[in-house]
């Protein structure tokens, strides 16, 4: 991945890491799942641009984890599923790194790091 592309995600991701625990706490206190709102709704509600990014990263991690869970359970045969089903692939995923063999774009680097962060925050 291009380092400049990755660097563009860093400030947004750092803010998201700070916001996320507070957002989860608010969900618990209010007994409302704020993640059902869209990113733009959260951005408007809190008047913070970072809310849209936080929401997008959270929902992306959920989507990818569901996809990989299905790939493991169903023993899917596509290349990405095969990679995730290996010990090194799963270890990379759990460590927040893009597994070898999966495209290492800026979005994937941020996404896999988010998977690690959000799973560690849970």
Foldseek 3Di string as FASTA:
>chain_A
DDPVLLVVCVVLLVVLLVVVVVLVVVCVVVVHNPLVDAQVVVCVVVVHNSSNVSSVLVVLLVVVVVVQVCCCVVVDDDPLNVQCNDPQNVVCLLVLHHGPPDDPDSVSSSNSVSNNSVVVSD
